[in-house]
Amino acid sequence: METRFMKWLRDWIETLAISAILTTFILTYVGRSCIVVGSSMEPTLHTGERLMVERVSVHLNNFEKGDIVVFEQDWSDEALIKRLIGMPGDCIEIRDTKLWVNGELLDEPYLSEPIYGDYGPVWVPEDTFFVLGDNRNNSNDSRGSVGFLAKDLMIGRAFVRFWPLTQLSFFF
């Protein structure tokens, strides 16, 4: 016959097991939080802000130009955050302080200063993306150490800034 203590213990073990399974599923396939480190996404994002990153877009290959994406790099202990600028096959060029994608000027109201220096043209290879920080003049991105971003390095797409609460905002 089961004692009251044994029933309580069994209920707790079942609850912990279900919680562990759900947490693993959510962190693997649905989303996770991320802390912004560095100034490469200013003025959009600042050091110390917290984001929720949805991972479903990685599994569905459902990214769009302009998305704020989070990814890993071998040379960095921190997840990196950049803006997705180029999809496979796109032609990217920076000239006359402006960004051109496939020969069209990209409207970038989130930038606070003109881009210094020319770059490209380059074509984004298959199964990779081209990413830039919003602080274009102070960012490690696809123009340098990040290079073309392989899809398998993608963690997901930022969809909400939830900390600090005064800066709560959604990225769609």
N, C-alpha and C. Protein backbone atom coordinates (compact mmCIF):
# COMPACT_ATOMS: atom_id res chain seq x y z
N MET A 1 0.84 -1.18 0.00
CA MET A 1 0.00 0.00 0.00
C MET A 1 0.89 1.25 0.00
N GLU A 2 0.54 2.21 -0.86
CA GLU A 2 1.35 3.41 -1.03
C GLU A 2 1.05 4.41 0.10
N THR A 3 2.13 4.88 0.72
CA THR A 3 1.96 5.86 1.79
C THR A 3 1.76 7.24 1.19
N ARG A 4 1.33 8.13 2.03
CA ARG A 4 1.11 9.51 1.59
C ARG A 4 2.42 10.13 1.10
N PHE A 5 3.52 9.87 1.80
CA PHE A 5 4.83 10.37 1.40
C PHE A 5 5.24 9.81 0.03
N MET A 6 5.03 8.53 -0.19
CA MET A 6 5.41 7.90 -1.46
C MET A 6 4.59 8.49 -2.62
N LYS A 7 3.32 8.75 -2.40
CA LYS A 7 2.48 9.37 -3.44
C LYS A 7 3.00 10.78 -3.74
N TRP A 8 3.29 11.54 -2.67
CA TRP A 8 3.82 12.88 -2.85
C TRP A 8 5.14 12.85 -3.63
N LEU A 9 6.03 11.92 -3.27
CA LEU A 9 7.33 11.79 -3.93
C LEU A 9 7.15 11.40 -5.40
N ARG A 10 6.27 10.44 -5.68
CA ARG A 10 6.01 10.02 -7.06
C ARG A 10 5.46 11.19 -7.88
N ASP A 11 4.53 11.96 -7.32
CA ASP A 11 3.98 13.13 -8.02
C ASP A 11 5.07 14.15 -8.35
N TRP A 12 5.97 14.39 -7.41
CA TRP A 12 7.06 15.33 -7.64
C TRP A 12 8.02 14.83 -8.72
N ILE A 13 8.34 13.57 -8.69
CA ILE A 13 9.24 13.00 -9.70
C ILE A 13 8.60 13.07 -11.07
N GLU A 14 7.33 12.76 -11.18
CA GLU A 14 6.62 12.85 -12.46
C GLU A 14 6.60 14.30 -12.96
N THR A 15 6.32 15.23 -12.07
CA THR A 15 6.29 16.64 -12.44
C THR A 15 7.66 17.11 -12.93
N LEU A 16 8.72 16.75 -12.22
CA LEU A 16 10.07 17.13 -12.64
C LEU A 16 10.44 16.51 -13.99
N ALA A 17 10.09 15.25 -14.20
CA ALA A 17 10.40 14.58 -15.47
C ALA A 17 9.67 15.25 -16.63
N ILE A 18 8.39 15.54 -16.44
CA ILE A 18 7.62 16.21 -17.51
C ILE A 18 8.19 17.60 -17.76
N SER A 19 8.54 18.32 -16.70
CA SER A 19 9.13 19.66 -16.86
C SER A 19 10.45 19.60 -17.63
N ALA A 20 11.29 18.63 -17.33
CA ALA A 20 12.57 18.49 -18.03
C ALA A 20 12.36 18.18 -19.51
N ILE A 21 11.41 17.31 -19.81
CA ILE A 21 11.12 16.97 -21.21
C ILE A 21 10.59 18.19 -21.95
N LEU A 22 9.64 18.92 -21.36
CA LEU A 22 9.09 20.11 -22.00
C LEU A 22 10.14 21.20 -22.18
N THR A 23 10.97 21.41 -21.17
CA THR A 23 12.03 22.41 -21.27
C THR A 23 13.00 22.07 -22.39
N THR A 24 13.42 20.82 -22.48
CA THR A 24 14.32 20.38 -23.54
C THR A 24 13.68 20.60 -24.91
N PHE A 25 12.42 20.25 -25.06
CA PHE A 25 11.71 20.44 -26.33
C PHE A 25 11.64 21.93 -26.69
N ILE A 26 11.26 22.76 -25.73
CA ILE A 26 11.11 24.19 -26.01
C ILE A 26 12.45 24.81 -26.39
N LEU A 27 13.51 24.52 -25.63
CA LEU A 27 14.82 25.11 -25.93
C LEU A 27 15.40 24.61 -27.24
N THR A 28 15.06 23.39 -27.64
CA THR A 28 15.59 22.82 -28.87
C THR A 28 14.82 23.27 -30.10
N TYR A 29 13.48 23.33 -30.00
CA TYR A 29 12.67 23.55 -31.19
C TYR A 29 11.83 24.82 -31.20
N VAL A 30 11.63 25.46 -30.06
CA VAL A 30 10.71 26.59 -30.02
C VAL A 30 11.43 27.92 -29.79
N GLY A 31 12.15 28.07 -28.69
CA GLY A 31 12.79 29.35 -28.44
C GLY A 31 13.68 29.33 -27.22
N ARG A 32 14.41 30.42 -27.08
CA ARG A 32 15.28 30.60 -25.92
C ARG A 32 15.56 32.08 -25.75
N SER A 33 16.10 32.44 -24.60
CA SER A 33 16.45 33.84 -24.38
C SER A 33 17.91 34.07 -24.73
N CYS A 34 18.24 35.33 -24.95
CA CYS A 34 19.59 35.71 -25.35
C CYS A 34 19.88 37.10 -24.79
N ILE A 35 21.12 37.34 -24.36
CA ILE A 35 21.53 38.64 -23.85
C ILE A 35 22.38 39.34 -24.91
N VAL A 36 22.09 40.60 -25.17
CA VAL A 36 22.86 41.40 -26.12
C VAL A 36 24.19 41.78 -25.48
N VAL A 37 25.28 41.50 -26.21
CA VAL A 37 26.62 41.85 -25.74
C VAL A 37 27.30 42.64 -26.85
N GLY A 38 27.77 43.83 -26.53
CA GLY A 38 28.49 44.64 -27.50
C GLY A 38 27.62 45.69 -28.17
N SER A 39 28.27 46.50 -29.00
CA SER A 39 27.60 47.66 -29.60
C SER A 39 27.28 47.48 -31.09
N SER A 40 27.48 46.30 -31.64
CA SER A 40 27.34 46.14 -33.09
C SER A 40 25.92 46.31 -33.61
N MET A 41 24.91 46.22 -32.74
CA MET A 41 23.52 46.39 -33.20
C MET A 41 22.91 47.72 -32.75
N GLU A 42 23.73 48.63 -32.22
CA GLU A 42 23.21 49.95 -31.86
C GLU A 42 22.89 50.72 -33.12
N PRO A 43 21.86 51.51 -33.15
CA PRO A 43 21.03 51.94 -32.05
C PRO A 43 19.82 51.04 -31.78
N THR A 44 19.67 49.95 -32.50
CA THR A 44 18.50 49.08 -32.33
C THR A 44 18.54 48.33 -31.01
N LEU A 45 19.68 47.71 -30.70
CA LEU A 45 19.84 46.91 -29.48
C LEU A 45 21.08 47.39 -28.73
N HIS A 46 21.03 47.27 -27.38
CA HIS A 46 22.13 47.72 -26.54
C HIS A 46 22.57 46.62 -25.58
N THR A 47 23.82 46.67 -25.17
CA THR A 47 24.37 45.69 -24.24
C THR A 47 23.47 45.56 -23.01
N GLY A 48 23.24 44.31 -22.62
CA GLY A 48 22.45 44.03 -21.43
C GLY A 48 20.98 43.79 -21.70
N GLU A 49 20.51 44.16 -22.88
CA GLU A 49 19.10 43.90 -23.19
C GLU A 49 18.90 42.40 -23.41
N ARG A 50 17.70 41.94 -23.11
CA ARG A 50 17.39 40.51 -23.26
C ARG A 50 16.34 40.33 -24.35
N LEU A 51 16.58 39.30 -25.16
CA LEU A 51 15.69 38.99 -26.28
C LEU A 51 15.15 37.58 -26.15
N MET A 52 13.96 37.36 -26.69
CA MET A 52 13.46 36.00 -26.91
C MET A 52 13.74 35.69 -28.37
N VAL A 53 14.30 34.52 -28.59
CA VAL A 53 14.68 34.09 -29.93
C VAL A 53 13.84 32.87 -30.28
N GLU A 54 13.09 32.97 -31.37
CA GLU A 54 12.30 31.81 -31.79
C GLU A 54 13.14 30.95 -32.72
N ARG A 55 13.06 29.63 -32.52
CA ARG A 55 13.88 28.68 -33.28
C ARG A 55 13.11 28.00 -34.40
N VAL A 56 11.80 28.22 -34.47
CA VAL A 56 10.98 27.56 -35.49
C VAL A 56 11.44 27.95 -36.89
N SER A 57 11.82 29.22 -37.08
CA SER A 57 12.24 29.68 -38.40
C SER A 57 13.45 28.91 -38.92
N VAL A 58 14.32 28.45 -38.02
CA VAL A 58 15.49 27.66 -38.44
C VAL A 58 15.02 26.33 -39.03
N HIS A 59 14.08 25.69 -38.36
CA HIS A 59 13.60 24.38 -38.81
C HIS A 59 12.76 24.48 -40.08
N LEU A 60 12.09 25.62 -40.27
CA LEU A 60 11.26 25.80 -41.47
C LEU A 60 11.97 26.57 -42.57
N ASN A 61 13.22 27.00 -42.29
CA ASN A 61 13.98 27.83 -43.23
C ASN A 61 13.15 29.04 -43.64
N ASN A 62 12.62 29.72 -42.64
CA ASN A 62 11.67 30.80 -42.85
C ASN A 62 12.25 32.14 -42.40
N PHE A 63 13.31 32.58 -43.06
CA PHE A 63 13.92 33.87 -42.74
C PHE A 63 13.58 34.87 -43.83
N GLU A 64 13.56 36.15 -43.45
CA GLU A 64 13.33 37.22 -44.41
C GLU A 64 14.40 38.29 -44.24
N LYS A 65 14.68 39.00 -45.32
CA LYS A 65 15.62 40.11 -45.23
C LYS A 65 15.12 41.11 -44.19
N GLY A 66 16.03 41.59 -43.38
CA GLY A 66 15.68 42.54 -42.34
C GLY A 66 15.48 41.90 -40.98
N ASP A 67 15.35 40.57 -40.92
CA ASP A 67 15.21 39.88 -39.63
C ASP A 67 16.46 40.09 -38.78
N ILE A 68 16.26 40.19 -37.48
CA ILE A 68 17.38 40.20 -36.55
C ILE A 68 17.61 38.74 -36.16
N VAL A 69 18.79 38.22 -36.48
CA VAL A 69 19.07 36.80 -36.26
C VAL A 69 20.17 36.61 -35.22
N VAL A 70 20.11 35.46 -34.57
CA VAL A 70 21.08 35.10 -33.55
C VAL A 70 21.77 33.82 -34.04
N PHE A 71 23.10 33.78 -33.91
CA PHE A 71 23.85 32.64 -34.44
C PHE A 71 25.11 32.41 -33.63
N GLU A 72 25.72 31.27 -33.88
CA GLU A 72 26.97 30.89 -33.21
C GLU A 72 28.14 31.04 -34.16
N GLN A 73 29.32 31.22 -33.60
CA GLN A 73 30.56 31.22 -34.35
C GLN A 73 31.60 30.47 -33.52
N ASP A 74 32.49 29.74 -34.18
CA ASP A 74 33.52 28.98 -33.47
C ASP A 74 34.41 29.87 -32.62
N TRP A 75 34.68 31.07 -33.08
CA TRP A 75 35.64 31.94 -32.42
C TRP A 75 35.02 32.78 -31.30
N SER A 76 33.73 32.63 -31.04
CA SER A 76 33.08 33.45 -30.02
C SER A 76 32.34 32.57 -29.00
N ASP A 77 32.50 32.90 -27.73
CA ASP A 77 31.76 32.19 -26.67
C ASP A 77 30.32 32.68 -26.58
N GLU A 78 30.06 33.87 -27.07
CA GLU A 78 28.73 34.48 -27.01
C GLU A 78 28.00 34.26 -28.34
N ALA A 79 26.68 34.14 -28.26
CA ALA A 79 25.87 34.14 -29.48
C ALA A 79 25.97 35.54 -30.08
N LEU A 80 26.04 35.62 -31.39
CA LEU A 80 26.12 36.91 -32.08
C LEU A 80 24.74 37.29 -32.61
N ILE A 81 24.49 38.59 -32.69
CA ILE A 81 23.21 39.11 -33.14
C ILE A 81 23.48 40.10 -34.25
N LYS A 82 22.85 39.88 -35.41
CA LYS A 82 23.02 40.76 -36.57
C LYS A 82 21.71 40.84 -37.33
N ARG A 83 21.68 41.72 -38.32
CA ARG A 83 20.51 41.85 -39.19
C ARG A 83 20.77 41.06 -40.48
N LEU A 84 19.80 40.27 -40.89
CA LEU A 84 19.91 39.48 -42.11
C LEU A 84 19.69 40.42 -43.31
N ILE A 85 20.70 40.51 -44.16
CA ILE A 85 20.67 41.43 -45.29
C ILE A 85 20.54 40.69 -46.62
N GLY A 86 21.26 39.59 -46.76
CA GLY A 86 21.28 38.89 -48.04
C GLY A 86 20.94 37.42 -47.92
N MET A 87 20.14 36.95 -48.86
CA MET A 87 19.75 35.55 -48.95
C MET A 87 20.62 34.88 -50.02
N PRO A 88 20.61 33.55 -50.07
CA PRO A 88 21.40 32.87 -51.10
C PRO A 88 21.09 33.41 -52.51
N GLY A 89 22.16 33.73 -53.25
CA GLY A 89 22.02 34.25 -54.61
C GLY A 89 21.95 35.75 -54.72
N ASP A 90 21.78 36.46 -53.61
CA ASP A 90 21.70 37.93 -53.65
C ASP A 90 23.07 38.54 -53.93
N CYS A 91 23.07 39.69 -54.57
CA CYS A 91 24.28 40.48 -54.80
C CYS A 91 24.28 41.64 -53.81
N ILE A 92 25.35 41.73 -53.02
CA ILE A 92 25.47 42.75 -51.97
C ILE A 92 26.59 43.71 -52.34
N GLU A 93 26.30 45.01 -52.19
CA GLU A 93 27.33 46.02 -52.47
C GLU A 93 27.10 47.23 -51.57
N ILE A 94 28.21 47.76 -51.03
CA ILE A 94 28.17 49.02 -50.30
C ILE A 94 28.98 50.02 -51.11
N ARG A 95 28.30 51.08 -51.52
CA ARG A 95 28.99 52.15 -52.26
C ARG A 95 28.27 53.47 -52.00
N ASP A 96 29.03 54.53 -52.01
CA ASP A 96 28.48 55.87 -51.77
C ASP A 96 27.72 55.92 -50.44
N THR A 97 28.25 55.28 -49.40
CA THR A 97 27.70 55.23 -48.04
C THR A 97 26.33 54.55 -47.94
N LYS A 98 25.94 53.81 -48.97
CA LYS A 98 24.63 53.15 -49.00
C LYS A 98 24.79 51.66 -49.28
N LEU A 99 23.78 50.88 -48.87
CA LEU A 99 23.75 49.44 -49.10
C LEU A 99 22.81 49.13 -50.26
N TRP A 100 23.34 48.34 -51.21
CA TRP A 100 22.58 47.94 -52.38
C TRP A 100 22.44 46.41 -52.38
N VAL A 101 21.23 45.93 -52.57
CA VAL A 101 20.97 44.50 -52.64
C VAL A 101 20.31 44.22 -53.99
N ASN A 102 20.98 43.41 -54.78
CA ASN A 102 20.51 43.09 -56.14
C ASN A 102 20.28 44.35 -56.96
N GLY A 103 21.18 45.34 -56.79
CA GLY A 103 21.11 46.57 -57.57
C GLY A 103 20.10 47.58 -57.07
N GLU A 104 19.38 47.28 -55.99
CA GLU A 104 18.38 48.20 -55.45
C GLU A 104 18.86 48.75 -54.11
N LEU A 105 18.67 50.06 -53.93
CA LEU A 105 19.04 50.70 -52.68
C LEU A 105 18.15 50.18 -51.57
N LEU A 106 18.77 49.74 -50.47
CA LEU A 106 18.01 49.22 -49.34
C LEU A 106 17.69 50.36 -48.37
N ASP A 107 16.41 50.55 -48.06
CA ASP A 107 15.99 51.56 -47.11
C ASP A 107 16.28 51.04 -45.70
N GLU A 108 17.10 51.76 -44.94
CA GLU A 108 17.51 51.31 -43.62
C GLU A 108 17.29 52.40 -42.57
N PRO A 109 16.04 52.60 -42.16
CA PRO A 109 15.75 53.67 -41.19
C PRO A 109 16.34 53.42 -39.81
N TYR A 110 16.80 52.20 -39.52
CA TYR A 110 17.35 51.86 -38.22
C TYR A 110 18.81 52.28 -38.06
N LEU A 111 19.46 52.74 -39.12
CA LEU A 111 20.87 53.18 -39.03
C LEU A 111 20.94 54.61 -38.52
N SER A 112 21.99 54.90 -37.73
CA SER A 112 22.13 56.25 -37.19
C SER A 112 23.23 57.06 -37.90
N GLU A 113 24.01 56.40 -38.76
CA GLU A 113 25.05 57.12 -39.48
C GLU A 113 25.33 56.43 -40.82
N PRO A 114 25.91 57.16 -41.76
CA PRO A 114 26.24 56.55 -43.06
C PRO A 114 27.31 55.47 -42.91
N ILE A 115 27.36 54.56 -43.86
CA ILE A 115 28.33 53.47 -43.85
C ILE A 115 29.63 53.98 -44.48
N TYR A 116 30.74 53.79 -43.77
CA TYR A 116 32.04 54.21 -44.30
C TYR A 116 32.64 53.08 -45.13
N GLY A 117 33.27 53.43 -46.23
CA GLY A 117 33.99 52.47 -47.05
C GLY A 117 33.08 51.72 -48.00
N ASP A 118 33.67 51.28 -49.09
CA ASP A 118 32.94 50.50 -50.09
C ASP A 118 33.21 49.01 -49.86
N TYR A 119 32.28 48.19 -50.35
CA TYR A 119 32.41 46.74 -50.20
C TYR A 119 31.68 46.09 -51.38
N GLY A 120 32.30 45.04 -51.92
CA GLY A 120 31.63 44.26 -52.97
C GLY A 120 31.78 44.88 -54.34
N PRO A 121 30.99 44.39 -55.26
CA PRO A 121 29.86 43.49 -55.06
C PRO A 121 30.29 42.04 -54.78
N VAL A 122 29.49 41.36 -53.94
CA VAL A 122 29.66 39.94 -53.68
C VAL A 122 28.32 39.24 -53.82
N TRP A 123 28.36 37.96 -54.19
CA TRP A 123 27.15 37.17 -54.32
C TRP A 123 27.11 36.17 -53.17
N VAL A 124 25.96 36.07 -52.53
CA VAL A 124 25.79 35.18 -51.38
C VAL A 124 25.67 33.74 -51.88
N PRO A 125 26.56 32.84 -51.44
CA PRO A 125 26.53 31.45 -51.91
C PRO A 125 25.29 30.69 -51.40
N GLU A 126 25.03 29.55 -52.05
CA GLU A 126 23.93 28.65 -51.63
C GLU A 126 24.07 28.30 -50.16
N ASP A 127 22.96 28.12 -49.48
CA ASP A 127 22.90 27.68 -48.08
C ASP A 127 23.63 28.60 -47.11
N THR A 128 23.80 29.87 -47.47
CA THR A 128 24.41 30.84 -46.56
C THR A 128 23.61 32.14 -46.59
N PHE A 129 23.92 33.00 -45.63
CA PHE A 129 23.27 34.31 -45.52
C PHE A 129 24.34 35.38 -45.36
N PHE A 130 23.97 36.62 -45.63
CA PHE A 130 24.84 37.77 -45.43
C PHE A 130 24.23 38.61 -44.32
N VAL A 131 25.01 38.86 -43.25
CA VAL A 131 24.50 39.60 -42.09
C VAL A 131 25.38 40.80 -41.80
N LEU A 132 24.74 41.87 -41.32
CA LEU A 132 25.45 43.08 -40.93
C LEU A 132 24.90 43.56 -39.59
N GLY A 133 25.76 44.18 -38.79
CA GLY A 133 25.28 44.85 -37.59
C GLY A 133 24.67 46.19 -37.97
N ASP A 134 23.75 46.69 -37.16
CA ASP A 134 23.16 48.00 -37.44
C ASP A 134 24.15 49.13 -37.20
N ASN A 135 25.17 48.88 -36.40
CA ASN A 135 26.25 49.83 -36.20
C ASN A 135 27.34 49.47 -37.22
N ARG A 136 27.06 49.74 -38.48
CA ARG A 136 27.86 49.25 -39.60
C ARG A 136 29.33 49.60 -39.52
N ASN A 137 29.65 50.71 -38.88
CA ASN A 137 31.05 51.13 -38.81
C ASN A 137 31.79 50.53 -37.62
N ASN A 138 31.11 49.72 -36.83
CA ASN A 138 31.74 49.07 -35.67
C ASN A 138 31.09 47.71 -35.46
N SER A 139 31.25 46.80 -36.43
CA SER A 139 30.58 45.51 -36.35
C SER A 139 31.42 44.42 -37.01
N ASN A 140 31.58 43.29 -36.31
CA ASN A 140 32.14 42.09 -36.94
C ASN A 140 30.97 41.38 -37.61
N ASP A 141 30.97 41.35 -38.91
CA ASP A 141 29.83 40.79 -39.64
C ASP A 141 30.30 40.09 -40.91
N SER A 142 29.43 39.92 -41.87
CA SER A 142 29.78 39.16 -43.08
C SER A 142 30.87 39.82 -43.91
N ARG A 143 31.15 41.09 -43.69
CA ARG A 143 32.24 41.74 -44.41
C ARG A 143 33.60 41.33 -43.88
N GLY A 144 33.64 40.68 -42.72
CA GLY A 144 34.92 40.34 -42.10
C GLY A 144 34.91 38.97 -41.47
N SER A 145 35.08 38.93 -40.15
CA SER A 145 35.30 37.67 -39.45
C SER A 145 34.13 36.69 -39.48
N VAL A 146 32.92 37.16 -39.61
CA VAL A 146 31.76 36.25 -39.67
C VAL A 146 31.69 35.58 -41.03
N GLY A 147 31.99 36.32 -42.09
CA GLY A 147 31.89 35.77 -43.44
C GLY A 147 30.45 35.44 -43.78
N PHE A 148 30.26 34.64 -44.82
CA PHE A 148 28.91 34.21 -45.16
C PHE A 148 28.45 33.24 -44.07
N LEU A 149 27.26 33.46 -43.56
CA LEU A 149 26.75 32.70 -42.42
C LEU A 149 26.04 31.43 -42.89
N ALA A 150 26.58 30.29 -42.49
CA ALA A 150 25.97 29.00 -42.83
C ALA A 150 24.68 28.80 -42.02
N LYS A 151 23.69 28.22 -42.66
CA LYS A 151 22.40 28.01 -42.02
C LYS A 151 22.52 27.18 -40.74
N ASP A 152 23.42 26.22 -40.71
CA ASP A 152 23.53 25.35 -39.52
C ASP A 152 24.10 26.07 -38.30
N LEU A 153 24.58 27.31 -38.46
CA LEU A 153 25.05 28.09 -37.32
C LEU A 153 23.95 28.97 -36.72
N MET A 154 22.81 29.03 -37.41
CA MET A 154 21.69 29.87 -36.95
C MET A 154 21.03 29.27 -35.72
N ILE A 155 20.83 30.10 -34.71
CA ILE A 155 20.07 29.72 -33.53
C ILE A 155 18.60 30.06 -33.74
N GLY A 156 18.34 31.23 -34.29
CA GLY A 156 16.96 31.63 -34.55
C GLY A 156 16.83 33.11 -34.83
N ARG A 157 15.59 33.56 -34.79
CA ARG A 157 15.25 34.95 -35.10
C ARG A 157 14.73 35.64 -33.83
N ALA A 158 15.28 36.82 -33.54
CA ALA A 158 14.80 37.58 -32.39
C ALA A 158 13.39 38.07 -32.69
N PHE A 159 12.47 37.86 -31.73
CA PHE A 159 11.12 38.36 -31.99
C PHE A 159 10.60 39.31 -30.92
N VAL A 160 11.26 39.35 -29.75
CA VAL A 160 10.83 40.33 -28.75
C VAL A 160 12.00 40.70 -27.84
N ARG A 161 12.09 42.00 -27.54
CA ARG A 161 13.01 42.47 -26.51
C ARG A 161 12.14 42.59 -25.26
N PHE A 162 12.49 41.81 -24.21
CA PHE A 162 11.65 41.81 -23.02
C PHE A 162 12.31 42.44 -21.80
N TRP A 163 13.60 42.81 -21.92
CA TRP A 163 14.27 43.49 -20.82
C TRP A 163 15.22 44.51 -21.35
N PRO A 164 15.23 45.70 -20.84
CA PRO A 164 14.41 46.19 -19.73
C PRO A 164 12.95 46.37 -20.16
N LEU A 165 12.08 46.28 -19.21
CA LEU A 165 10.65 46.36 -19.50
C LEU A 165 10.27 47.67 -20.18
N THR A 166 10.99 48.74 -19.90
CA THR A 166 10.69 50.03 -20.53
C THR A 166 10.99 50.01 -22.03
N GLN A 167 11.76 49.04 -22.49
CA GLN A 167 12.11 48.92 -23.92
C GLN A 167 11.40 47.74 -24.59
N LEU A 168 10.37 47.20 -23.96
CA LEU A 168 9.63 46.08 -24.52
C LEU A 168 9.22 46.38 -25.95
N SER A 169 9.61 45.51 -26.88
CA SER A 169 9.24 45.72 -28.29
C SER A 169 9.34 44.42 -29.05
N PHE A 170 8.55 44.33 -30.11
CA PHE A 170 8.51 43.16 -30.96
C PHE A 170 9.22 43.46 -32.28
N PHE A 171 9.87 42.46 -32.85
CA PHE A 171 10.56 42.59 -34.13
C PHE A 171 9.86 41.70 -35.14
N PHE A 172 9.06 42.30 -35.99
CA PHE A 172 8.36 41.52 -37.03
C PHE A 172 8.77 42.01 -38.39
